[in-house]
């Protein structure tokens, strides 16, 4: 499939796995945040795939915009992870850096 060749798709799948593993270490009581984080990350990945399968450039752009918005939600979840001390500040920064790279790639595809 063509979307699998996109760097933003591959990196999003990798980040989704890394964030899920990080969340699996959290103490009880934060399942709601992990669920939201996983849904938002899945939205990033799935909208890249669906957008790349669209015929018109306007449809493709719309799905990539949704993916970028979901990436912003993931960023907010990472901020909460740090605020709730569920991950180290360095780890949160690394996750945010990966996410920023994905967002920049998505922006490039939308142009």
C-alpha atoms as a PDB file:
ATOM      1  CA  UNK A   1       0.000   0.000   0.000  1.00  0.00           C
ATOM      2  CA  UNK A   2       1.244   3.453  -0.864  1.00  0.00           C
ATOM      3  CA  UNK A   3       0.782   4.996   2.586  1.00  0.00           C
ATOM      4  CA  UNK A   4       3.266   2.509   4.036  1.00  0.00           C
ATOM      5  CA  UNK A   5       6.013   4.217   2.041  1.00  0.00           C
ATOM      6  CA  UNK A   6       5.407   7.553   3.753  1.00  0.00           C
ATOM      7  CA  UNK A   7       7.867   8.467   6.480  1.00  0.00           C
ATOM      8  CA  UNK A   8       5.161  10.163   8.531  1.00  0.00           C
ATOM      9  CA  UNK A   9       3.094   6.969   8.459  1.00  0.00           C
ATOM     10  CA  UNK A  10       5.961   4.716   9.540  1.00  0.00           C
ATOM     11  CA  UNK A  11       7.098   7.122  12.259  1.00  0.00           C
ATOM     12  CA  UNK A  12       3.531   7.518  13.525  1.00  0.00           C
ATOM     13  CA  UNK A  13       3.131   3.764  13.884  1.00  0.00           C
ATOM     14  CA  UNK A  14       6.442   3.596  15.751  1.00  0.00           C
ATOM     15  CA  UNK A  15       5.499   6.474  18.068  1.00  0.00           C
ATOM     16  CA  UNK A  16       2.100   4.879  18.735  1.00  0.00           C
ATOM     17  CA  UNK A  17       3.851   1.712  19.899  1.00  0.00           C
ATOM     18  CA  UNK A  18       6.328   3.617  22.048  1.00  0.00           C
ATOM     19  CA  UNK A  19       3.610   5.686  23.721  1.00  0.00           C
ATOM     20  CA  UNK A  20       1.478   2.613  24.341  1.00  0.00           C
ATOM     21  CA  UNK A  21       4.420   0.845  25.999  1.00  0.00           C
ATOM     22  CA  UNK A  22       5.092   3.909  28.130  1.00  0.00           C
ATOM     23  CA  UNK A  23       1.453   4.064  29.190  1.00  0.00           C
ATOM     24  CA  UNK A  24       1.444   0.394  30.147  1.00  0.00           C
ATOM     25  CA  UNK A  25       3.869   1.293  32.975  1.00  0.00           C
ATOM     26  CA  UNK A  26       1.522   3.831  34.566  1.00  0.00           C
ATOM     27  CA  UNK A  27      -0.121   3.208  37.927  1.00  0.00           C
ATOM     28  CA  UNK A  28      -3.826   2.464  38.083  1.00  0.00           C
ATOM     29  CA  UNK A  29      -6.119   5.431  37.742  1.00  0.00           C
ATOM     30  CA  UNK A  30      -4.698   6.806  34.502  1.00  0.00           C
ATOM     31  CA  UNK A  31      -6.412   4.414  32.100  1.00  0.00           C
ATOM     32  CA  UNK A  32      -8.610   7.224  30.793  1.00  0.00           C
ATOM     33  CA  UNK A  33      -5.526   9.151  29.652  1.00  0.00           C
ATOM     34  CA  UNK A  34      -3.957   6.094  28.062  1.00  0.00           C
ATOM     35  CA  UNK A  35      -7.195   5.356  26.191  1.00  0.00           C
ATOM     36  CA  UNK A  36      -7.366   8.931  24.903  1.00  0.00           C
ATOM     37  CA  UNK A  37      -3.694   8.863  23.935  1.00  0.00           C
ATOM     38  CA  UNK A  38      -4.110   5.610  22.023  1.00  0.00           C
ATOM     39  CA  UNK A  39      -7.237   6.872  20.225  1.00  0.00           C
ATOM     40  CA  UNK A  40      -5.544  10.113  19.219  1.00  0.00           C
ATOM     41  CA  UNK A  41      -2.434   8.314  18.012  1.00  0.00           C
ATOM     42  CA  UNK A  42      -4.559   5.806  16.086  1.00  0.00           C
ATOM     43  CA  UNK A  43      -6.336   8.749  14.450  1.00  0.00           C
ATOM     44  CA  UNK A  44      -3.005  10.152  13.278  1.00  0.00           C
ATOM     45  CA  UNK A  45      -2.047   6.842  11.666  1.00  0.00           C
ATOM     46  CA  UNK A  46      -5.450   5.955  10.228  1.00  0.00           C
ATOM     47  CA  UNK A  47      -6.086   9.372   8.694  1.00  0.00           C
ATOM     48  CA  UNK A  48      -2.705   9.325   6.973  1.00  0.00           C
ATOM     49  CA  UNK A  49      -3.617   5.979   5.424  1.00  0.00           C
ATOM     50  CA  UNK A  50      -7.122   7.011   4.431  1.00  0.00           C
ATOM     51  CA  UNK A  51      -6.046  10.387   3.099  1.00  0.00           C
ATOM     52  CA  UNK A  52      -3.372   8.836   0.966  1.00  0.00           C
ATOM     53  CA  UNK A  53      -5.954   6.541  -0.633  1.00  0.00           C
ATOM     54  CA  UNK A  54      -8.166   9.450  -1.767  1.00  0.00           C
ATOM     55  CA  UNK A  55      -8.344  10.457  -5.401  1.00  0.00           C
ATOM     56  CA  UNK A  56      -8.766  14.191  -5.110  1.00  0.00           C
ATOM     57  CA  UNK A  57      -6.134  16.415  -3.568  1.00  0.00           C
ATOM     58  CA  UNK A  58      -8.779  18.270  -1.539  1.00  0.00           C
ATOM     59  CA  UNK A  59      -9.976  15.016   0.063  1.00  0.00           C
ATOM     60  CA  UNK A  60      -6.407  13.948   0.743  1.00  0.00           C
ATOM     61  CA  UNK A  61      -5.649  17.309   2.345  1.00  0.00           C
ATOM     62  CA  UNK A  62      -8.748  17.099   4.562  1.00  0.00           C
ATOM     63  CA  UNK A  63      -7.649  13.744   6.011  1.00  0.00           C
ATOM     64  CA  UNK A  64      -4.096  14.990   6.523  1.00  0.00           C
ATOM     65  CA  UNK A  65      -5.493  18.034   8.354  1.00  0.00           C
ATOM     66  CA  UNK A  66      -7.422  15.697  10.643  1.00  0.00           C
ATOM     67  CA  UNK A  67      -4.232  13.734  11.222  1.00  0.00           C
ATOM     68  CA  UNK A  68      -2.370  16.927  12.191  1.00  0.00           C
ATOM     69  CA  UNK A  69      -5.149  17.906  14.578  1.00  0.00           C
ATOM     70  CA  UNK A  70      -4.947  14.480  16.201  1.00  0.00           C
ATOM     71  CA  UNK A  71      -1.180  14.936  16.491  1.00  0.00           C
ATOM     72  CA  UNK A  72      -1.857  18.143  18.448  1.00  0.00           C
ATOM     73  CA  UNK A  73      -4.091  16.114  20.768  1.00  0.00           C
ATOM     74  CA  UNK A  74      -1.297  13.583  21.243  1.00  0.00           C
ATOM     75  CA  UNK A  75       0.995  16.483  22.129  1.00  0.00           C
ATOM     76  CA  UNK A  76      -1.441  17.601  24.813  1.00  0.00           C
ATOM     77  CA  UNK A  77      -1.559  14.055  26.177  1.00  0.00           C
ATOM     78  CA  UNK A  78       2.234  14.025  26.367  1.00  0.00           C
ATOM     79  CA  UNK A  79       2.108  17.328  28.266  1.00  0.00           C
ATOM     80  CA  UNK A  80      -0.299  15.725  30.738  1.00  0.00           C
ATOM     81  CA  UNK A  81       1.971  12.682  31.053  1.00  0.00           C
ATOM     82  CA  UNK A  82       4.750  15.022  32.155  1.00  0.00           C
ATOM     83  CA  UNK A  83       2.494  17.127  34.383  1.00  0.00           C
ATOM     84  CA  UNK A  84       1.191  14.023  36.168  1.00  0.00           C
ATOM     85  CA  UNK A  85       4.776  12.714  36.448  1.00  0.00           C
ATOM     86  CA  UNK A  86       3.914   9.592  34.460  1.00  0.00           C
ATOM     87  CA  UNK A  87       7.069   9.970  32.408  1.00  0.00           C
ATOM     88  CA  UNK A  88      10.325  11.839  32.823  1.00  0.00           C
ATOM     89  CA  UNK A  89      10.694  15.341  31.390  1.00  0.00           C
ATOM     90  CA  UNK A  90      13.410  14.035  29.053  1.00  0.00           C
ATOM     91  CA  UNK A  91      11.186  11.223  27.790  1.00  0.00           C
ATOM     92  CA  UNK A  92       8.293  13.642  27.248  1.00  0.00           C
ATOM     93  CA  UNK A  93      10.609  15.950  25.309  1.00  0.00           C
ATOM     94  CA  UNK A  94      11.753  13.052  23.127  1.00  0.00           C
ATOM     95  CA  UNK A  95       8.152  12.045  22.398  1.00  0.00           C
ATOM     96  CA  UNK A  96       7.260  15.651  21.559  1.00  0.00           C
ATOM     97  CA  UNK A  97      10.262  15.905  19.245  1.00  0.00           C
ATOM     98  CA  UNK A  98       9.157  12.790  17.342  1.00  0.00           C
ATOM     99  CA  UNK A  99       5.641  14.170  17.134  1.00  0.00           C
ATOM    100  CA  UNK A 100       6.873  17.522  15.838  1.00  0.00           C
ATOM    101  CA  UNK A 101       8.770  15.744  13.071  1.00  0.00           C
ATOM    102  CA  UNK A 102       5.633  13.845  12.085  1.00  0.00           C
ATOM    103  CA  UNK A 103       3.578  17.039  12.097  1.00  0.00           C
ATOM    104  CA  UNK A 104       6.119  18.784   9.860  1.00  0.00           C
ATOM    105  CA  UNK A 105       6.016  15.891   7.396  1.00  0.00           C
ATOM    106  CA  UNK A 106       2.219  16.046   7.353  1.00  0.00           C
ATOM    107  CA  UNK A 107       2.364  19.786   6.703  1.00  0.00           C
ATOM    108  CA  UNK A 108       4.710  19.135   3.792  1.00  0.00           C
ATOM    109  CA  UNK A 109       2.299  16.592   2.298  1.00  0.00           C
ATOM    110  CA  UNK A 110      -0.567  19.078   2.554  1.00  0.00           C
ATOM    111  CA  UNK A 111       1.148  21.711   0.408  1.00  0.00           C
END
